[in-house]
Protein backbone atom coordinates (compact mmCIF):
# COMPACT_ATOMS: atom_id res chain seq x y z
CA MET A 1 147.91 80.43 88.63
CA LYS A 2 145.56 83.29 88.41
CA GLU A 3 142.11 84.46 89.95
CA ARG A 4 139.55 85.84 87.79
CA GLY A 5 135.93 86.75 89.13
CA ILE A 6 133.08 84.90 87.18
CA ILE A 7 129.29 85.61 87.70
CA PHE A 8 126.50 83.06 87.99
CA ASN A 9 122.62 83.34 88.72
CA ALA A 10 121.53 82.05 92.26
CA GLU A 11 120.04 78.80 90.28
CA MET A 12 123.55 78.03 89.07
CA VAL A 13 125.09 78.83 92.20
CA ARG A 14 122.94 76.36 93.92
CA ALA A 15 123.61 73.55 91.38
CA ILE A 16 127.57 74.33 92.23
CA LEU A 17 127.15 73.85 95.68
CA ASP A 18 125.02 70.92 95.17
CA GLY A 19 127.66 69.04 93.40
CA ARG A 20 125.50 69.30 90.00
CA LYS A 21 127.40 71.71 88.23
CA THR A 22 130.58 71.11 87.32
CA GLN A 23 131.16 73.24 83.44
CA THR A 24 129.79 76.53 82.13
CA ARG A 25 129.40 77.90 78.76
CA ARG A 26 130.19 81.27 77.62
CA ILE A 27 130.14 83.09 74.44
CA VAL A 28 133.60 83.44 72.32
CA LYS A 29 134.14 87.13 71.88
CA ASN A 30 137.11 88.83 70.12
CA VAL A 31 137.96 85.42 68.64
CA MET A 32 136.66 82.98 66.17
CA PRO A 33 137.60 79.34 65.04
CA ASP A 34 137.13 79.01 61.58
CA ASN A 35 138.13 75.36 60.38
CA GLY A 36 140.67 74.79 63.22
CA ILE A 37 142.43 78.32 62.80
CA TRP A 38 141.71 80.63 65.39
CA LEU A 39 141.42 83.80 63.92
CA LYS A 40 141.38 87.43 65.59
CA LYS A 41 138.22 89.30 64.66
CA PRO A 42 138.71 91.77 61.91
CA THR A 43 139.80 95.13 63.21
CA LYS A 44 139.50 98.30 60.73
CA THR A 45 142.92 100.14 60.27
CA ARG A 46 143.25 103.08 58.02
CA SER A 47 144.34 100.67 55.14
CA GLY A 48 140.94 98.62 55.48
CA ALA A 49 140.10 95.75 57.57
CA THR A 50 142.55 93.08 58.61
CA THR A 51 142.17 89.88 60.48
CA HIS A 52 145.11 88.10 62.47
CA VAL A 53 145.70 84.50 62.47
CA LEU A 54 146.40 83.19 65.78
CA ASP A 55 148.12 79.98 66.74
CA ALA A 56 145.78 78.59 69.67
CA PRO A 57 148.16 76.60 71.81
CA LYS A 58 150.60 79.28 71.87
CA HIS A 59 148.00 82.23 72.93
CA ASN A 60 145.84 82.26 75.92
CA LEU A 61 142.74 82.77 74.07
CA CYS A 62 140.01 81.82 76.86
CA PRO A 63 139.06 85.36 79.00
CA LEU A 64 138.49 83.34 81.97
CA GLY A 65 142.04 81.66 81.97
CA LYS A 66 143.31 78.40 81.38
CA VAL A 67 143.51 74.89 82.75
CA GLY A 68 144.54 75.25 86.66
CA ASP A 69 143.53 78.79 87.11
CA ARG A 70 140.82 79.45 89.29
CA LEU A 71 137.43 81.45 89.53
CA TRP A 72 135.65 82.89 92.22
CA VAL A 73 131.77 83.11 92.00
CA ARG A 74 129.89 86.47 92.34
CA GLU A 75 126.77 86.14 93.14
CA THR A 76 123.68 88.45 94.37
CA PHE A 77 124.03 89.43 98.28
CA LYS A 78 123.68 91.52 100.60
CA THR A 79 126.00 92.74 103.68
CA GLY A 80 124.59 93.78 107.48
CA VAL A 81 121.17 92.08 107.45
CA CYS A 82 121.28 90.72 110.60
CA THR A 83 124.54 92.50 112.14
CA GLU A 84 126.75 95.02 111.14
CA SER A 85 129.18 91.68 109.48
CA THR A 86 126.58 89.34 108.48
CA ILE A 87 126.68 88.33 104.41
CA ALA A 88 123.34 87.23 103.35
CA TYR A 89 123.42 85.36 100.12
CA LYS A 90 120.12 85.24 97.70
CA ALA A 91 120.69 81.65 96.54
CA THR A 92 120.67 80.29 99.72
CA HIS A 93 119.11 82.78 102.35
CA LYS A 94 115.05 81.79 102.73
CA PRO A 95 112.53 83.90 104.31
CA SER A 96 112.88 81.58 107.56
CA ASP A 97 116.35 82.36 107.75
CA LEU A 98 115.62 85.94 108.26
CA GLU A 99 113.48 87.73 110.62
CA GLU A 100 109.69 87.74 109.74
CA GLY A 101 109.30 90.19 107.16
CA TRP A 102 113.04 91.28 106.28
CA TYR A 103 113.16 88.93 103.28
CA GLU A 104 110.80 90.81 100.99
CA GLU A 105 112.33 93.95 102.05
CA ILE A 106 116.03 93.27 101.42
CA LYS A 107 117.35 95.17 98.54
CA TRP A 108 120.23 92.83 96.98
CA THR A 109 123.25 93.83 95.62
CA PRO A 110 123.84 92.21 92.19
CA SER A 111 126.56 90.14 91.51
CA ILE A 112 128.11 92.27 89.28
CA HIS A 113 129.30 94.59 92.72
CA MET A 114 130.24 91.34 94.71
CA PRO A 115 134.21 91.82 95.93
CA ARG A 116 136.48 89.26 96.22
CA ARG A 117 136.33 89.05 100.00
CA TYR A 118 132.96 88.14 99.93
CA SER A 119 132.86 84.98 97.76
CA ARG A 120 131.91 81.98 99.16
CA ILE A 121 132.76 79.56 96.16
CA THR A 122 136.45 79.17 94.56
CA LEU A 123 136.50 77.12 91.31
CA GLU A 124 139.61 75.54 89.74
CA ILE A 125 139.30 75.01 85.78
CA THR A 126 140.42 71.53 84.98
CA ASN A 127 139.39 71.46 81.32
CA ILE A 128 138.40 74.42 78.26
CA ARG A 129 137.45 73.74 75.40
CA VAL A 130 135.53 75.59 72.30
CA GLU A 131 132.01 74.26 70.08
CA ARG A 132 128.98 75.33 69.05
CA LEU A 133 126.53 76.16 71.38
CA ASN A 134 123.65 73.44 70.15
CA ASP A 135 126.49 70.73 69.75
CA ILE A 136 125.76 70.12 73.84
CA SER A 137 125.44 66.67 74.64
CA GLN A 138 123.19 65.08 77.20
CA SER A 139 125.85 64.51 79.64
CA ASP A 140 127.12 68.05 79.18
CA ALA A 141 123.81 69.53 79.90
CA ILE A 142 123.77 67.81 82.92
CA ALA A 143 127.15 68.78 83.98
CA GLU A 144 125.71 72.22 83.56
CA GLY A 145 123.28 71.60 86.00
CA ALA A 146 120.49 70.24 84.02
CA PRO A 147 118.45 67.50 85.35
CA PRO A 148 118.70 64.02 84.36
CA SER A 149 116.28 62.70 81.31
CA HIS A 150 113.37 60.60 81.55
CA PRO A 151 111.68 59.17 78.10
CA THR A 152 108.14 60.36 78.88
CA ILE A 153 109.41 63.90 79.46
CA ASP A 154 112.15 63.26 76.44
CA ALA A 155 109.08 62.68 73.95
CA ILE A 156 107.87 66.14 74.95
CA SER A 157 111.14 67.44 74.41
CA ARG A 158 111.47 66.40 70.84
CA GLU A 159 108.30 67.79 70.32
CA CYS A 160 109.86 70.91 71.31
CA GLY A 161 112.52 70.46 69.20
CA PHE A 162 115.20 69.17 71.46
CA PRO A 163 116.32 66.06 71.47
CA ASP A 164 115.91 64.87 75.34
CA PHE A 165 115.00 67.09 78.40
CA SER A 166 118.42 67.80 79.71
CA ARG A 167 119.02 69.51 76.83
CA SER A 168 115.91 71.29 76.78
CA TRP A 169 116.22 72.43 80.38
CA PHE A 170 119.54 74.01 79.32
CA GLY A 171 118.36 75.38 75.90
CA GLN A 172 115.30 77.07 77.81
CA THR A 173 117.87 78.06 80.74
CA TRP A 174 120.11 79.65 77.92
CA TRP A 175 117.15 81.68 76.17
CA HIS A 176 116.22 83.25 79.54
CA ILE A 177 119.81 84.83 79.81
CA TYR A 178 120.81 85.17 76.49
CA GLY A 179 117.59 85.36 74.22
CA LYS A 180 116.17 82.64 71.74
CA LYS A 181 117.70 84.22 68.94
CA ASN A 182 121.16 83.67 70.69
CA TRP A 183 120.61 80.14 70.55
CA GLN A 184 119.39 80.08 67.27
CA ASP A 185 122.44 81.96 65.92
CA ASN A 186 124.67 78.85 67.50
CA PRO A 187 127.11 80.42 68.27
CA TRP A 188 130.71 79.36 69.49
CA VAL A 189 131.11 79.13 73.31
CA TRP A 190 133.93 78.17 75.82
CA VAL A 191 133.30 74.96 77.79
CA ILE A 192 134.53 75.47 80.80
CA GLU A 193 134.99 72.46 82.94
CA PHE A 194 135.99 72.92 87.12
CA LYS A 195 135.73 71.89 90.32
CA ARG A 196 135.23 73.33 94.00
CA ILE A 197 137.89 73.75 95.96
């Protein structure tokens, strides 16, 4: 079993803490599935570009690990807010939690810089698969932290090109992080299912 850090924004951290988020999708890089065969992306050599065929079951291709491995969540934080040893997490600390006026002045440390010792959430990978981004199902969108759908809101979502509100919420959240063009490009993504431990 290995442990690796994984970055989540404040909204996704809250969804994990609430038990609403049990999946995450990350763009596949360096390998590409093609009709069930995994190909390592072409690399340039002196004799030209070469493509390597990989046997997916033999190789641990997902950069975040394999089933049973653990992920420690990196999130935006700040140390020494109230006392030298206090750790504040942007996802869950509100202005009322701190002395008046301090919250607006806090210089938060980006999640990329969070050391393991400050992480408060550990996840265990329960399943990994690969699919096209736009193939997300309604139940998977909800497992990503999206709210459940409602017929009235679904009708508006269909007008915007989504089959239901849950997938519309997920798609727009993806746009916010990766850009609308990335959604339209419909890349292959790792679908990582997890449970909080």
